[in-house]
Amino acid sequence: AEDPRPLSDARTAERRVVGTCRHFATLATALL
């Protein structure tokens, strides 16, 4: 919704999703 590019493209800070360490871990788990 903030940046429609592929997930391999690094986002600048203001275009990242707001989340905790749990969101880092859960998204990485999903992609692995």
PDB file of all heavy atoms in Angstrom:
ATOM      1  N   ALA A   1       0.834  -1.201   0.000  1.00  0.00           N
ATOM      2  CA  ALA A   1       0.000   0.000   0.000  1.00  0.00           C
ATOM      3  C   ALA A   1       0.870   1.253   0.000  1.00  0.00           C
ATOM      4  O   ALA A   1       0.484   2.293  -0.537  1.00  0.00           O
ATOM      5  CB  ALA A   1      -0.927   0.002   1.213  1.00  0.00           C
ATOM      6  N   GLU A   2       2.055   1.155   0.595  1.00  0.00           N
ATOM      7  CA  GLU A   2       2.992   2.271   0.632  1.00  0.00           C
ATOM      8  C   GLU A   2       3.966   2.251  -0.542  1.00  0.00           C
ATOM      9  O   GLU A   2       4.426   3.298  -0.998  1.00  0.00           O
ATOM     10  CB  GLU A   2       3.784   2.252   1.945  1.00  0.00           C
ATOM     11  CG  GLU A   2       2.951   2.458   3.189  1.00  0.00           C
ATOM     12  CD  GLU A   2       2.286   3.819   3.216  1.00  0.00           C
ATOM     13  OE1 GLU A   2       2.935   4.811   2.815  1.00  0.00           O
ATOM     14  OE2 GLU A   2       1.101   3.878   3.612  1.00  0.00           O
ATOM     15  N   ASP A   3       4.290   1.054  -1.016  1.00  0.00           N
ATOM     16  CA  ASP A   3       5.295   0.902  -2.069  1.00  0.00           C
ATOM     17  C   ASP A   3       5.047  -0.430  -2.762  1.00  0.00           C
ATOM     18  O   ASP A   3       5.305  -1.490  -2.187  1.00  0.00           O
ATOM     19  CB  ASP A   3       6.697   0.937  -1.461  1.00  0.00           C
ATOM     20  CG  ASP A   3       7.799   0.940  -2.500  1.00  0.00           C
ATOM     21  OD1 ASP A   3       7.580   0.447  -3.628  1.00  0.00           O
ATOM     22  OD2 ASP A   3       8.904   1.434  -2.180  1.00  0.00           O
ATOM     23  N   PRO A   4       4.533  -0.426  -4.002  1.00  0.00           N
ATOM     24  CA  PRO A   4       4.111  -1.671  -4.660  1.00  0.00           C
ATOM     25  C   PRO A   4       5.249  -2.478  -5.289  1.00  0.00           C
ATOM     26  O   PRO A   4       4.987  -3.500  -5.927  1.00  0.00           O
ATOM     27  CB  PRO A   4       3.142  -1.181  -5.727  1.00  0.00           C
ATOM     28  CG  PRO A   4       3.652   0.182  -6.084  1.00  0.00           C
ATOM     29  CD  PRO A   4       4.184   0.762  -4.800  1.00  0.00           C
ATOM     30  N   ARG A   5       6.474  -2.073  -5.095  1.00  0.00           N
ATOM     31  CA  ARG A   5       7.593  -2.786  -5.718  1.00  0.00           C
ATOM     32  C   ARG A   5       7.785  -4.170  -5.098  1.00  0.00           C
ATOM     33  O   ARG A   5       7.268  -4.466  -4.013  1.00  0.00           O
ATOM     34  CB  ARG A   5       8.876  -1.961  -5.570  1.00  0.00           C
ATOM     35  CG  ARG A   5       8.880  -0.660  -6.364  1.00  0.00           C
ATOM     36  CD  ARG A   5      10.187   0.082  -6.130  1.00  0.00           C
ATOM     37  NE  ARG A   5      10.367   0.400  -4.719  1.00  0.00           N
ATOM     38  CZ  ARG A   5      11.561   0.645  -4.166  1.00  0.00           C
ATOM     39  NH1 ARG A   5      12.659   0.568  -4.897  1.00  0.00           N
ATOM     40  NH2 ARG A   5      11.643   0.938  -2.873  1.00  0.00           N
ATOM     41  N   PRO A   6       8.565  -5.038  -5.754  1.00  0.00           N
ATOM     42  CA  PRO A   6       8.847  -6.369  -5.198  1.00  0.00           C
ATOM     43  C   PRO A   6       9.474  -6.282  -3.816  1.00  0.00           C
ATOM     44  O   PRO A   6      10.114  -5.280  -3.455  1.00  0.00           O
ATOM     45  CB  PRO A   6       9.820  -6.976  -6.214  1.00  0.00           C
ATOM     46  CG  PRO A   6       9.514  -6.270  -7.496  1.00  0.00           C
ATOM     47  CD  PRO A   6       9.149  -4.871  -7.103  1.00  0.00           C
ATOM     48  N   LEU A   7       9.330  -7.340  -3.038  1.00  0.00           N
ATOM     49  CA  LEU A   7       9.834  -7.355  -1.669  1.00  0.00           C
ATOM     50  C   LEU A   7      11.354  -7.356  -1.603  1.00  0.00           C
ATOM     51  O   LEU A   7      11.918  -7.073  -0.543  1.00  0.00           O
ATOM     52  CB  LEU A   7       9.288  -8.575  -0.927  1.00  0.00           C
ATOM     53  CG  LEU A   7       7.762  -8.677  -0.828  1.00  0.00           C
ATOM     54  CD1 LEU A   7       7.370  -9.910  -0.032  1.00  0.00           C
ATOM     55  CD2 LEU A   7       7.168  -7.420  -0.205  1.00  0.00           C
ATOM     56  N   SER A   8      12.005  -7.635  -2.706  1.00  0.00           N
ATOM     57  CA  SER A   8      13.465  -7.588  -2.747  1.00  0.00           C
ATOM     58  C   SER A   8      13.995  -6.159  -2.781  1.00  0.00           C
ATOM     59  O   SER A   8      15.188  -5.940  -2.543  1.00  0.00           O
ATOM     60  CB  SER A   8      13.984  -8.355  -3.968  1.00  0.00           C
ATOM     61  OG  SER A   8      13.399  -7.830  -5.157  1.00  0.00           O
ATOM     62  N   ASP A   9      13.129  -5.196  -3.085  1.00  0.00           N
ATOM     63  CA  ASP A   9      13.546  -3.795  -3.157  1.00  0.00           C
ATOM     64  C   ASP A   9      13.486  -3.168  -1.767  1.00  0.00           C
ATOM     65  O   ASP A   9      12.419  -3.121  -1.140  1.00  0.00           O
ATOM     66  CB  ASP A   9      12.638  -3.011  -4.108  1.00  0.00           C
ATOM     67  CG  ASP A   9      12.812  -3.428  -5.562  1.00  0.00           C
ATOM     68  OD1 ASP A   9      13.588  -4.379  -5.817  1.00  0.00           O
ATOM     69  OD2 ASP A   9      12.180  -2.814  -6.431  1.00  0.00           O
ATOM     70  N   ALA A  10      14.627  -2.687  -1.296  1.00  0.00           N
ATOM     71  CA  ALA A  10      14.693  -2.084   0.032  1.00  0.00           C
ATOM     72  C   ALA A  10      13.799  -0.851   0.103  1.00  0.00           C
ATOM     73  O   ALA A  10      13.770  -0.036  -0.816  1.00  0.00           O
ATOM     74  CB  ALA A  10      16.127  -1.721   0.371  1.00  0.00           C
ATOM     75  N   ARG A  11      13.055  -0.734   1.199  1.00  0.00           N
ATOM     76  CA  ARG A  11      12.209   0.426   1.436  1.00  0.00           C
ATOM     77  C   ARG A  11      12.944   1.447   2.299  1.00  0.00           C
ATOM     78  O   ARG A  11      13.681   1.071   3.218  1.00  0.00           O
ATOM     79  CB  ARG A  11      10.922   0.018   2.175  1.00  0.00           C
ATOM     80  CG  ARG A  11       9.731  -0.299   1.299  1.00  0.00           C
ATOM     81  CD  ARG A  11       9.926  -1.481   0.417  1.00  0.00           C
ATOM     82  NE  ARG A  11       8.648  -1.899  -0.185  1.00  0.00           N
ATOM     83  CZ  ARG A  11       8.530  -2.870  -1.069  1.00  0.00           C
ATOM     84  NH1 ARG A  11       9.612  -3.549  -1.450  1.00  0.00           N
ATOM     85  NH2 ARG A  11       7.350  -3.173  -1.578  1.00  0.00           N
ATOM     86  N   THR A  12      12.722   2.712   2.005  1.00  0.00           N
ATOM     87  CA  THR A  12      13.170   3.735   2.928  1.00  0.00           C
ATOM     88  C   THR A  12      12.312   3.644   4.181  1.00  0.00           C
ATOM     89  O   THR A  12      11.218   3.071   4.173  1.00  0.00           O
ATOM     90  CB  THR A  12      13.049   5.127   2.294  1.00  0.00           C
ATOM     91  OG1 THR A  12      11.715   5.312   1.811  1.00  0.00           O
ATOM     92  CG2 THR A  12      14.035   5.287   1.135  1.00  0.00           C
ATOM     93  N   ALA A  13      12.805   4.209   5.269  1.00  0.00           N
ATOM     94  CA  ALA A  13      12.184   3.996   6.576  1.00  0.00           C
ATOM     95  C   ALA A  13      10.702   4.332   6.591  1.00  0.00           C
ATOM     96  O   ALA A  13       9.891   3.602   7.172  1.00  0.00           O
ATOM     97  CB  ALA A  13      12.926   4.800   7.642  1.00  0.00           C
ATOM     98  N   GLU A  14      10.311   5.422   5.932  1.00  0.00           N
ATOM     99  CA  GLU A  14       8.910   5.854   6.005  1.00  0.00           C
ATOM    100  C   GLU A  14       7.967   4.973   5.210  1.00  0.00           C
ATOM    101  O   GLU A  14       6.747   5.069   5.354  1.00  0.00           O
ATOM    102  CB  GLU A  14       8.789   7.315   5.541  1.00  0.00           C
ATOM    103  CG  GLU A  14       8.894   7.534   4.037  1.00  0.00           C
ATOM    104  CD  GLU A  14      10.322   7.629   3.535  1.00  0.00           C
ATOM    105  OE1 GLU A  14      11.251   7.382   4.353  1.00  0.00           O
ATOM    106  OE2 GLU A  14      10.513   7.930   2.336  1.00  0.00           O
ATOM    107  N   ARG A  15       8.517   4.057   4.393  1.00  0.00           N
ATOM    108  CA  ARG A  15       7.680   3.163   3.595  1.00  0.00           C
ATOM    109  C   ARG A  15       7.694   1.721   4.095  1.00  0.00           C
ATOM    110  O   ARG A  15       7.203   0.813   3.421  1.00  0.00           O
ATOM    111  CB  ARG A  15       8.087   3.224   2.125  1.00  0.00           C
ATOM    112  CG  ARG A  15       7.847   4.594   1.494  1.00  0.00           C
ATOM    113  CD  ARG A  15       8.055   4.587  -0.002  1.00  0.00           C
ATOM    114  NE  ARG A  15       7.811   5.895  -0.596  1.00  0.00           N
ATOM    115  CZ  ARG A  15       6.609   6.348  -0.927  1.00  0.00           C
ATOM    116  NH1 ARG A  15       5.548   5.593  -0.720  1.00  0.00           N
ATOM    117  NH2 ARG A  15       6.467   7.548  -1.473  1.00  0.00           N
ATOM    118  N   ARG A  16       8.249   1.527   5.269  1.00  0.00           N
ATOM    119  CA  ARG A  16       8.244   0.196   5.862  1.00  0.00           C
ATOM    120  C   ARG A  16       6.978   0.000   6.688  1.00  0.00           C
ATOM    121  O   ARG A  16       6.337   0.964   7.112  1.00  0.00           O
ATOM    122  CB  ARG A  16       9.481   0.020   6.747  1.00  0.00           C
ATOM    123  CG  ARG A  16      10.776   0.130   5.966  1.00  0.00           C
ATOM    124  CD  ARG A  16      12.001   0.068   6.856  1.00  0.00           C
ATOM    125  NE  ARG A  16      13.217   0.303   6.072  1.00  0.00           N
ATOM    126  CZ  ARG A  16      14.435   0.361   6.566  1.00  0.00           C
ATOM    127  NH1 ARG A  16      14.613   0.193   7.887  1.00  0.00           N
ATOM    128  NH2 ARG A  16      15.474   0.585   5.784  1.00  0.00           N
ATOM    129  N   VAL A  17       6.622  -1.248   6.918  1.00  0.00           N
ATOM    130  CA  VAL A  17       5.468  -1.550   7.765  1.00  0.00           C
ATOM    131  C   VAL A  17       5.892  -1.418   9.225  1.00  0.00           C
ATOM    132  O   VAL A  17       7.015  -1.765   9.593  1.00  0.00           O
ATOM    133  CB  VAL A  17       4.912  -2.958   7.469  1.00  0.00           C
ATOM    134  CG1 VAL A  17       5.901  -4.044   7.874  1.00  0.00           C
ATOM    135  CG2 VAL A  17       3.578  -3.181   8.157  1.00  0.00           C
ATOM    136  N   VAL A  18       5.011  -0.898  10.053  1.00  0.00           N
ATOM    137  CA  VAL A  18       5.305  -0.737  11.475  1.00  0.00           C
ATOM    138  C   VAL A  18       5.092  -2.078  12.169  1.00  0.00           C
ATOM    139  O   VAL A  18       4.007  -2.672  12.088  1.00  0.00           O
ATOM    140  CB  VAL A  18       4.415   0.346  12.107  1.00  0.00           C
ATOM    141  CG1 VAL A  18       4.722   0.486  13.600  1.00  0.00           C
ATOM    142  CG2 VAL A  18       4.601   1.682  11.395  1.00  0.00           C
ATOM    143  N   GLY A  19       6.127  -2.568  12.837  1.00  0.00           N
ATOM    144  CA  GLY A  19       6.006  -3.857  13.519  1.00  0.00           C
ATOM    145  C   GLY A  19       7.123  -4.067  14.516  1.00  0.00           C
ATOM    146  O   GLY A  19       8.088  -3.310  14.568  1.00  0.00           O
ATOM    147  N   THR A  20       6.992  -5.119  15.287  1.00  0.00           N
ATOM    148  CA  THR A  20       7.960  -5.456  16.327  1.00  0.00           C
ATOM    149  C   THR A  20       8.901  -6.554  15.840  1.00  0.00           C
ATOM    150  O   THR A  20       8.822  -7.004  14.693  1.00  0.00           O
ATOM    151  CB  THR A  20       7.235  -5.944  17.590  1.00  0.00           C
ATOM    152  OG1 THR A  20       6.612  -7.207  17.288  1.00  0.00           O
ATOM    153  CG2 THR A  20       6.177  -4.941  18.047  1.00  0.00           C
ATOM    154  N   CYS A  21       9.771  -7.011  16.744  1.00  0.00           N
ATOM    155  CA  CYS A  21      10.644  -8.139  16.426  1.00  0.00           C
ATOM    156  C   CYS A  21       9.840  -9.348  15.962  1.00  0.00           C
ATOM    157  O   CYS A  21      10.298 -10.134  15.136  1.00  0.00           O
ATOM    158  CB  CYS A  21      11.496  -8.497  17.627  1.00  0.00           C
ATOM    159  SG  CYS A  21      10.570  -8.747  19.173  1.00  0.00           S
ATOM    160  N   ARG A  22       8.623  -9.473  16.466  1.00  0.00           N
ATOM    161  CA  ARG A  22       7.762 -10.588  16.056  1.00  0.00           C
ATOM    162  C   ARG A  22       7.402 -10.473  14.576  1.00  0.00           C
ATOM    163  O   ARG A  22       7.307 -11.487  13.864  1.00  0.00           O
ATOM    164  CB  ARG A  22       6.498 -10.606  16.928  1.00  0.00           C
ATOM    165  CG  ARG A  22       5.475 -11.675  16.542  1.00  0.00           C
ATOM    166  CD  ARG A  22       4.408 -11.092  15.644  1.00  0.00           C
ATOM    167  NE  ARG A  22       3.471 -12.110  15.187  1.00  0.00           N
ATOM    168  CZ  ARG A  22       2.655 -11.937  14.141  1.00  0.00           C
ATOM    169  NH1 ARG A  22       2.659 -10.814  13.458  1.00  0.00           N
ATOM    170  NH2 ARG A  22       1.845 -12.909  13.802  1.00  0.00           N
ATOM    171  N   HIS A  23       7.221  -9.262  14.059  1.00  0.00           N
ATOM    172  CA  HIS A  23       6.885  -9.071  12.649  1.00  0.00           C
ATOM    173  C   HIS A  23       8.090  -9.374  11.758  1.00  0.00           C
ATOM    174  O   HIS A  23       7.942  -9.968  10.680  1.00  0.00           O
ATOM    175  CB  HIS A  23       6.373  -7.658  12.416  1.00  0.00           C
ATOM    176  CG  HIS A  23       5.059  -7.388  13.087  1.00  0.00           C
ATOM    177  ND1 HIS A  23       4.969  -7.152  14.439  1.00  0.00           N
ATOM    178  CD2 HIS A  23       3.795  -7.353  12.602  1.00  0.00           C
ATOM    179  CE1 HIS A  23       3.693  -6.972  14.761  1.00  0.00           C
ATOM    180  NE2 HIS A  23       2.963  -7.089  13.666  1.00  0.00           N
ATOM    181  N   PHE A  24       9.294  -8.961  12.199  1.00  0.00           N
ATOM    182  CA  PHE A  24      10.498  -9.352  11.464  1.00  0.00           C
ATOM    183  C   PHE A  24      10.558 -10.875  11.362  1.00  0.00           C
ATOM    184  O   PHE A  24      10.802 -11.432  10.289  1.00  0.00           O
ATOM    185  CB  PHE A  24      11.745  -8.849  12.206  1.00  0.00           C
ATOM    186  CG  PHE A  24      12.045  -7.387  12.055  1.00  0.00           C
ATOM    187  CD1 PHE A  24      11.557  -6.463  12.971  1.00  0.00           C
ATOM    188  CD2 PHE A  24      12.845  -6.929  11.024  1.00  0.00           C
ATOM    189  CE1 PHE A  24      11.850  -5.109  12.855  1.00  0.00           C
ATOM    190  CE2 PHE A  24      13.157  -5.577  10.892  1.00  0.00           C
ATOM    191  CZ  PHE A  24      12.655  -4.663  11.815  1.00  0.00           C
ATOM    192  N   ALA A  25      10.358 -11.560  12.499  1.00  0.00           N
ATOM    193  CA  ALA A  25      10.486 -13.013  12.539  1.00  0.00           C
ATOM    194  C   ALA A  25       9.389 -13.709  11.741  1.00  0.00           C
ATOM    195  O   ALA A  25       9.654 -14.681  11.016  1.00  0.00           O
ATOM    196  CB  ALA A  25      10.479 -13.500  13.989  1.00  0.00           C
ATOM    197  N   THR A  26       8.159 -13.225  11.861  1.00  0.00           N
ATOM    198  CA  THR A  26       7.042 -13.886  11.182  1.00  0.00           C
ATOM    199  C   THR A  26       7.128 -13.712   9.676  1.00  0.00           C
ATOM    200  O   THR A  26       6.888 -14.667   8.912  1.00  0.00           O
ATOM    201  CB  THR A  26       5.699 -13.341  11.713  1.00  0.00           C
ATOM    202  OG1 THR A  26       5.618 -13.615  13.112  1.00  0.00           O
ATOM    203  CG2 THR A  26       4.527 -14.000  11.012  1.00  0.00           C
ATOM    204  N   LEU A  27       7.479 -12.502   9.213  1.00  0.00           N
ATOM    205  CA  LEU A  27       7.606 -12.287   7.770  1.00  0.00           C
ATOM    206  C   LEU A  27       8.761 -13.118   7.210  1.00  0.00           C
ATOM    207  O   LEU A  27       8.623 -13.740   6.141  1.00  0.00           O
ATOM    208  CB  LEU A  27       7.808 -10.803   7.478  1.00  0.00           C
ATOM    209  CG  LEU A  27       7.866 -10.418   5.994  1.00  0.00           C
ATOM    210  CD1 LEU A  27       6.612 -10.871   5.249  1.00  0.00           C
ATOM    211  CD2 LEU A  27       8.062  -8.906   5.841  1.00  0.00           C
ATOM    212  N   ALA A  28       9.888 -13.165   7.909  1.00  0.00           N
ATOM    213  CA  ALA A  28      11.010 -13.986   7.448  1.00  0.00           C
ATOM    214  C   ALA A  28      10.622 -15.457   7.401  1.00  0.00           C
ATOM    215  O   ALA A  28      10.971 -16.176   6.453  1.00  0.00           O
ATOM    216  CB  ALA A  28      12.216 -13.778   8.360  1.00  0.00           C
ATOM    217  N   THR A  29       9.898 -15.921   8.419  1.00  0.00           N
ATOM    218  CA  THR A  29       9.447 -17.314   8.439  1.00  0.00           C
ATOM    219  C   THR A  29       8.561 -17.610   7.238  1.00  0.00           C
ATOM    220  O   THR A  29       8.705 -18.656   6.580  1.00  0.00           O
ATOM    221  CB  THR A  29       8.689 -17.601   9.748  1.00  0.00           C
ATOM    222  OG1 THR A  29       9.581 -17.430  10.852  1.00  0.00           O
ATOM    223  CG2 THR A  29       8.134 -19.016   9.775  1.00  0.00           C
ATOM    224  N   ALA A  30       7.639 -16.702   6.934  1.00  0.00           N
ATOM    225  CA  ALA A  30       6.749 -16.886   5.778  1.00  0.00           C
ATOM    226  C   ALA A  30       7.541 -16.987   4.481  1.00  0.00           C
ATOM    227  O   ALA A  30       7.262 -17.857   3.633  1.00  0.00           O
ATOM    228  CB  ALA A  30       5.753 -15.735   5.707  1.00  0.00           C
ATOM    229  N   LEU A  31       8.536 -16.127   4.310  1.00  0.00           N
ATOM    230  CA  LEU A  31       9.300 -16.108   3.061  1.00  0.00           C
ATOM    231  C   LEU A  31      10.238 -17.305   2.956  1.00  0.00           C
ATOM    232  O   LEU A  31      10.462 -17.825   1.849  1.00  0.00           O
ATOM    233  CB  LEU A  31      10.080 -14.792   2.964  1.00  0.00           C
ATOM    234  CG  LEU A  31       9.195 -13.540   2.862  1.00  0.00           C
ATOM    235  CD1 LEU A  31      10.044 -12.274   2.939  1.00  0.00           C
ATOM    236  CD2 LEU A  31       8.362 -13.563   1.586  1.00  0.00           C
ATOM    237  N   LEU A  32      10.772 -17.767   4.077  1.00  0.00           N
ATOM    238  CA  LEU A  32      11.592 -18.976   4.052  1.00  0.00           C
ATOM    239  C   LEU A  32      10.742 -20.201   3.712  1.00  0.00           C
ATOM    240  O   LEU A  32      11.147 -21.053   2.904  1.00  0.00           O
ATOM    241  CB  LEU A  32      12.286 -19.167   5.401  1.00  0.00           C
ATOM    242  CG  LEU A  32      13.448 -18.212   5.684  1.00  0.00           C
ATOM    243  CD1 LEU A  32      13.823 -18.225   7.156  1.00  0.00           C
ATOM    244  CD2 LEU A  32      14.658 -18.570   4.830  1.00  0.00           C
TER     245      LEU A  32
END
